[in-house]
Structure formats: structure tokens, C-alpha cells
Amino acid sequence: MELNHIIAEITDQADEFLGDKPHRNHAQSALAALIERDYFELSAANRATVIAGVLAALEADERFGVEFVGDPFKDEPESEKEAEK
């Protein structure tokens, strides 16, 4: 079975194993369990590839929300043009 097909198939089922508040660590654990149960014939390397592929697809779809870097309550700096006025 082709790994890209498995990745797409599992990604399509994401709502079933992610739950209401998806979190990357939970998703990784749930993926490992799902792959062990449904795709037990995959080698360890292929399992890791599938997990990484599904997580990348879910991140691309922004399924894990947005993480903020820095202080979200700090005022935005003015642009250089506005500061020169």
C-alpha cells in the first residue's frame, strides 16, 4: 500500500481521532494508536513517515490552531513612515 494514500486516508478521518480541541501531542498519540491498529503491517520507519505526513497535512490545514510568539498584549510598533511624521 502506498504511503501517500494512507496519509490522505488518515487525514480525511482526522475529525474522528482529534476530538473537539485538537492538540498536536494528542494527535500524534492518537495517530500512533490508529496506525498500530489499522496498518499494523507497516514497518516502524513507514509508521513514522505516515505520522509525520499526517501531522504536516493537519498543520497545513491549521487544525491545531495558532500559537502566539511573544506578548500578544503588547502594542504593535508603528511603521517607520508613521514614526517619522
N, C-alpha and C. Protein backbone atom coordinates (compact mmCIF):
# COMPACT_ATOMS: atom_id res chain seq x y z
N MET A 1 0.84 -1.18 0.00
CA MET A 1 0.00 0.00 0.00
C MET A 1 0.89 1.24 0.00
N GLU A 2 0.54 2.22 -0.80
CA GLU A 2 1.34 3.43 -0.93
C GLU A 2 1.14 4.35 0.27
N LEU A 3 2.23 4.89 0.79
CA LEU A 3 2.17 5.72 1.99
C LEU A 3 1.38 7.00 1.79
N ASN A 4 1.49 7.63 0.61
CA ASN A 4 0.73 8.86 0.36
C ASN A 4 -0.77 8.60 0.42
N HIS A 5 -1.20 7.45 -0.04
CA HIS A 5 -2.61 7.08 0.03
C HIS A 5 -3.05 6.91 1.49
N ILE A 6 -2.21 6.29 2.29
CA ILE A 6 -2.52 6.10 3.71
C ILE A 6 -2.58 7.44 4.42
N ILE A 7 -1.64 8.31 4.13
CA ILE A 7 -1.61 9.65 4.74
C ILE A 7 -2.89 10.40 4.41
N ALA A 8 -3.29 10.38 3.14
CA ALA A 8 -4.52 11.08 2.73
C ALA A 8 -5.74 10.48 3.39
N GLU A 9 -5.78 9.16 3.47
CA GLU A 9 -6.93 8.48 4.08
C GLU A 9 -7.07 8.83 5.56
N ILE A 10 -5.96 8.81 6.28
CA ILE A 10 -5.99 9.13 7.71
C ILE A 10 -6.31 10.61 7.92
N THR A 11 -5.75 11.47 7.10
CA THR A 11 -6.02 12.91 7.22
C THR A 11 -7.51 13.19 7.04
N ASP A 12 -8.14 12.47 6.12
CA ASP A 12 -9.59 12.64 5.90
C ASP A 12 -10.40 12.22 7.12
N GLN A 13 -9.85 11.33 7.95
CA GLN A 13 -10.54 10.85 9.14
C GLN A 13 -10.16 11.64 10.40
N ALA A 14 -9.49 12.75 10.24
CA ALA A 14 -8.93 13.49 11.38
C ALA A 14 -9.97 13.86 12.43
N ASP A 15 -11.17 14.23 12.02
CA ASP A 15 -12.19 14.62 12.99
C ASP A 15 -12.52 13.49 13.96
N GLU A 16 -12.40 12.27 13.51
CA GLU A 16 -12.72 11.11 14.35
C GLU A 16 -11.74 10.91 15.49
N PHE A 17 -10.45 11.21 15.27
CA PHE A 17 -9.48 10.96 16.32
C PHE A 17 -8.92 12.22 16.98
N LEU A 18 -9.25 13.41 16.42
CA LEU A 18 -8.75 14.65 17.02
C LEU A 18 -9.64 15.16 18.15
N GLY A 19 -10.93 14.96 18.04
CA GLY A 19 -11.83 15.46 19.07
C GLY A 19 -12.15 16.93 18.88
N ASP A 20 -12.75 17.53 19.91
CA ASP A 20 -13.20 18.92 19.83
C ASP A 20 -12.07 19.94 19.87
N LYS A 21 -11.07 19.68 20.69
CA LYS A 21 -9.96 20.62 20.85
C LYS A 21 -8.66 19.93 20.46
N PRO A 22 -8.35 19.95 19.18
CA PRO A 22 -7.16 19.23 18.73
C PRO A 22 -5.86 19.82 19.27
N HIS A 23 -4.99 18.97 19.68
CA HIS A 23 -3.67 19.36 20.15
C HIS A 23 -2.66 18.42 19.48
N ARG A 24 -1.53 18.97 19.09
CA ARG A 24 -0.56 18.20 18.32
C ARG A 24 -0.09 16.93 19.05
N ASN A 25 0.21 17.04 20.33
CA ASN A 25 0.69 15.86 21.08
C ASN A 25 -0.38 14.78 21.16
N HIS A 26 -1.62 15.18 21.40
CA HIS A 26 -2.71 14.22 21.44
C HIS A 26 -2.88 13.57 20.06
N ALA A 27 -2.81 14.37 19.01
CA ALA A 27 -2.96 13.86 17.65
C ALA A 27 -1.87 12.84 17.34
N GLN A 28 -0.66 13.11 17.76
CA GLN A 28 0.44 12.19 17.50
C GLN A 28 0.20 10.85 18.20
N SER A 29 -0.24 10.88 19.44
CA SER A 29 -0.54 9.64 20.17
C SER A 29 -1.69 8.89 19.53
N ALA A 30 -2.74 9.63 19.16
CA ALA A 30 -3.90 9.01 18.53
C ALA A 30 -3.52 8.40 17.18
N LEU A 31 -2.67 9.07 16.44
CA LEU A 31 -2.21 8.54 15.15
C LEU A 31 -1.42 7.25 15.33
N ALA A 32 -0.54 7.24 16.31
CA ALA A 32 0.26 6.04 16.56
C ALA A 32 -0.65 4.84 16.88
N ALA A 33 -1.67 5.08 17.71
CA ALA A 33 -2.61 4.00 18.05
C ALA A 33 -3.41 3.55 16.84
N LEU A 34 -3.87 4.50 16.04
CA LEU A 34 -4.66 4.19 14.85
C LEU A 34 -3.84 3.38 13.85
N ILE A 35 -2.59 3.78 13.64
CA ILE A 35 -1.73 3.08 12.69
C ILE A 35 -1.39 1.68 13.20
N GLU A 36 -1.15 1.57 14.49
CA GLU A 36 -0.86 0.25 15.06
C GLU A 36 -2.05 -0.69 14.90
N ARG A 37 -3.25 -0.14 15.03
CA ARG A 37 -4.46 -0.96 14.93
C ARG A 37 -4.82 -1.29 13.48
N ASP A 38 -4.81 -0.27 12.60
CA ASP A 38 -5.31 -0.45 11.24
C ASP A 38 -4.24 -0.74 10.19
N TYR A 39 -3.01 -0.35 10.46
CA TYR A 39 -1.94 -0.53 9.48
C TYR A 39 -0.75 -1.23 10.13
N PHE A 40 -1.03 -2.29 10.88
CA PHE A 40 -0.01 -3.00 11.64
C PHE A 40 1.09 -3.60 10.77
N GLU A 41 0.82 -3.76 9.47
CA GLU A 41 1.82 -4.35 8.58
C GLU A 41 2.94 -3.38 8.20
N LEU A 42 2.78 -2.10 8.52
CA LEU A 42 3.81 -1.12 8.18
C LEU A 42 5.03 -1.28 9.07
N SER A 43 6.19 -1.04 8.50
CA SER A 43 7.42 -1.07 9.28
C SER A 43 7.47 0.17 10.18
N ALA A 44 8.37 0.16 11.14
CA ALA A 44 8.50 1.29 12.06
C ALA A 44 8.84 2.58 11.29
N ALA A 45 9.70 2.47 10.29
CA ALA A 45 10.08 3.64 9.50
C ALA A 45 8.88 4.18 8.72
N ASN A 46 8.09 3.28 8.14
CA ASN A 46 6.91 3.72 7.40
C ASN A 46 5.85 4.32 8.32
N ARG A 47 5.73 3.78 9.53
CA ARG A 47 4.79 4.35 10.51
C ARG A 47 5.18 5.78 10.85
N ALA A 48 6.47 5.99 11.08
CA ALA A 48 6.97 7.33 11.39
C ALA A 48 6.73 8.29 10.23
N THR A 49 6.91 7.80 9.00
CA THR A 49 6.67 8.63 7.81
C THR A 49 5.20 9.01 7.71
N VAL A 50 4.32 8.07 7.96
CA VAL A 50 2.87 8.33 7.90
C VAL A 50 2.47 9.33 8.98
N ILE A 51 2.95 9.14 10.20
CA ILE A 51 2.62 10.07 11.28
C ILE A 51 3.10 11.48 10.94
N ALA A 52 4.32 11.60 10.47
CA ALA A 52 4.86 12.91 10.10
C ALA A 52 4.05 13.53 8.96
N GLY A 53 3.67 12.72 7.99
CA GLY A 53 2.89 13.23 6.85
C GLY A 53 1.51 13.71 7.25
N VAL A 54 0.85 12.95 8.13
CA VAL A 54 -0.49 13.35 8.58
C VAL A 54 -0.40 14.61 9.43
N LEU A 55 0.57 14.67 10.34
CA LEU A 55 0.73 15.87 11.17
C LEU A 55 1.03 17.09 10.32
N ALA A 56 1.86 16.94 9.30
CA ALA A 56 2.17 18.05 8.39
C ALA A 56 0.91 18.51 7.65
N ALA A 57 0.10 17.56 7.20
CA ALA A 57 -1.14 17.92 6.50
C ALA A 57 -2.11 18.63 7.44
N LEU A 58 -2.20 18.16 8.67
CA LEU A 58 -3.10 18.80 9.63
C LEU A 58 -2.62 20.19 10.01
N GLU A 59 -1.30 20.36 10.13
CA GLU A 59 -0.75 21.68 10.41
C GLU A 59 -0.99 22.63 9.24
N ALA A 60 -0.85 22.13 8.02
CA ALA A 60 -1.10 22.95 6.84
C ALA A 60 -2.55 23.40 6.78
N ASP A 61 -3.46 22.57 7.28
CA ASP A 61 -4.88 22.91 7.34
C ASP A 61 -5.22 23.72 8.59
N GLU A 62 -4.18 24.04 9.39
CA GLU A 62 -4.33 24.81 10.63
C GLU A 62 -5.32 24.15 11.59
N ARG A 63 -5.23 22.83 11.71
CA ARG A 63 -6.13 22.08 12.59
C ARG A 63 -5.75 22.19 14.06
N PHE A 64 -4.53 22.64 14.35
CA PHE A 64 -4.08 22.73 15.72
C PHE A 64 -4.16 24.15 16.27
N GLY A 65 -4.78 25.06 15.53
CA GLY A 65 -4.89 26.43 16.00
C GLY A 65 -3.60 27.20 15.75
N VAL A 66 -3.56 28.38 16.31
CA VAL A 66 -2.41 29.27 16.11
C VAL A 66 -1.71 29.44 17.44
N GLU A 67 -0.41 29.30 17.41
CA GLU A 67 0.38 29.55 18.61
C GLU A 67 1.00 30.93 18.49
N PHE A 68 0.92 31.68 19.58
CA PHE A 68 1.45 33.04 19.58
C PHE A 68 2.88 33.04 20.10
N VAL A 69 3.69 33.88 19.48
CA VAL A 69 5.07 34.05 19.92
C VAL A 69 5.18 35.47 20.44
N GLY A 70 5.76 35.64 21.59
CA GLY A 70 5.91 36.96 22.17
C GLY A 70 4.72 37.32 23.03
N ASP A 71 4.55 38.60 23.27
CA ASP A 71 3.48 39.09 24.13
C ASP A 71 2.31 39.56 23.27
N PRO A 72 1.18 38.83 23.25
CA PRO A 72 0.06 39.21 22.41
C PRO A 72 -0.63 40.49 22.87
N PHE A 73 -0.35 40.95 24.09
CA PHE A 73 -0.99 42.16 24.61
C PHE A 73 -0.13 43.40 24.44
N LYS A 74 1.07 43.24 23.95
CA LYS A 74 1.97 44.38 23.73
C LYS A 74 1.50 45.14 22.50
N ASP A 75 1.57 46.48 22.57
CA ASP A 75 1.17 47.30 21.42
C ASP A 75 2.06 47.02 20.23
N GLU A 76 1.45 47.03 19.07
CA GLU A 76 2.20 46.83 17.84
C GLU A 76 3.10 48.05 17.60
N PRO A 77 4.33 47.85 17.16
CA PRO A 77 5.19 49.00 16.85
C PRO A 77 4.66 49.73 15.63
N GLU A 78 4.84 51.04 15.64
CA GLU A 78 4.39 51.83 14.50
C GLU A 78 5.33 51.56 13.32
N SER A 79 4.79 51.71 12.12
CA SER A 79 5.64 51.54 10.95
C SER A 79 6.62 52.70 10.90
N GLU A 80 7.70 52.54 10.17
CA GLU A 80 8.74 53.56 10.10
C GLU A 80 8.20 54.87 9.53
N LYS A 81 7.30 54.80 8.55
CA LYS A 81 6.75 56.02 7.95
C LYS A 81 5.91 56.78 8.96
N GLU A 82 5.12 56.10 9.75
CA GLU A 82 4.29 56.76 10.75
C GLU A 82 5.15 57.33 11.85
N ALA A 83 6.25 56.67 12.18
CA ALA A 83 7.12 57.14 13.25
C ALA A 83 7.87 58.43 12.84
N GLU A 84 8.11 58.62 11.52
CA GLU A 84 8.82 59.79 11.04
C GLU A 84 7.95 61.03 11.01
N LYS A 85 6.63 60.89 11.02
CA LYS A 85 5.73 62.05 10.92
C LYS A 85 5.76 62.91 12.14
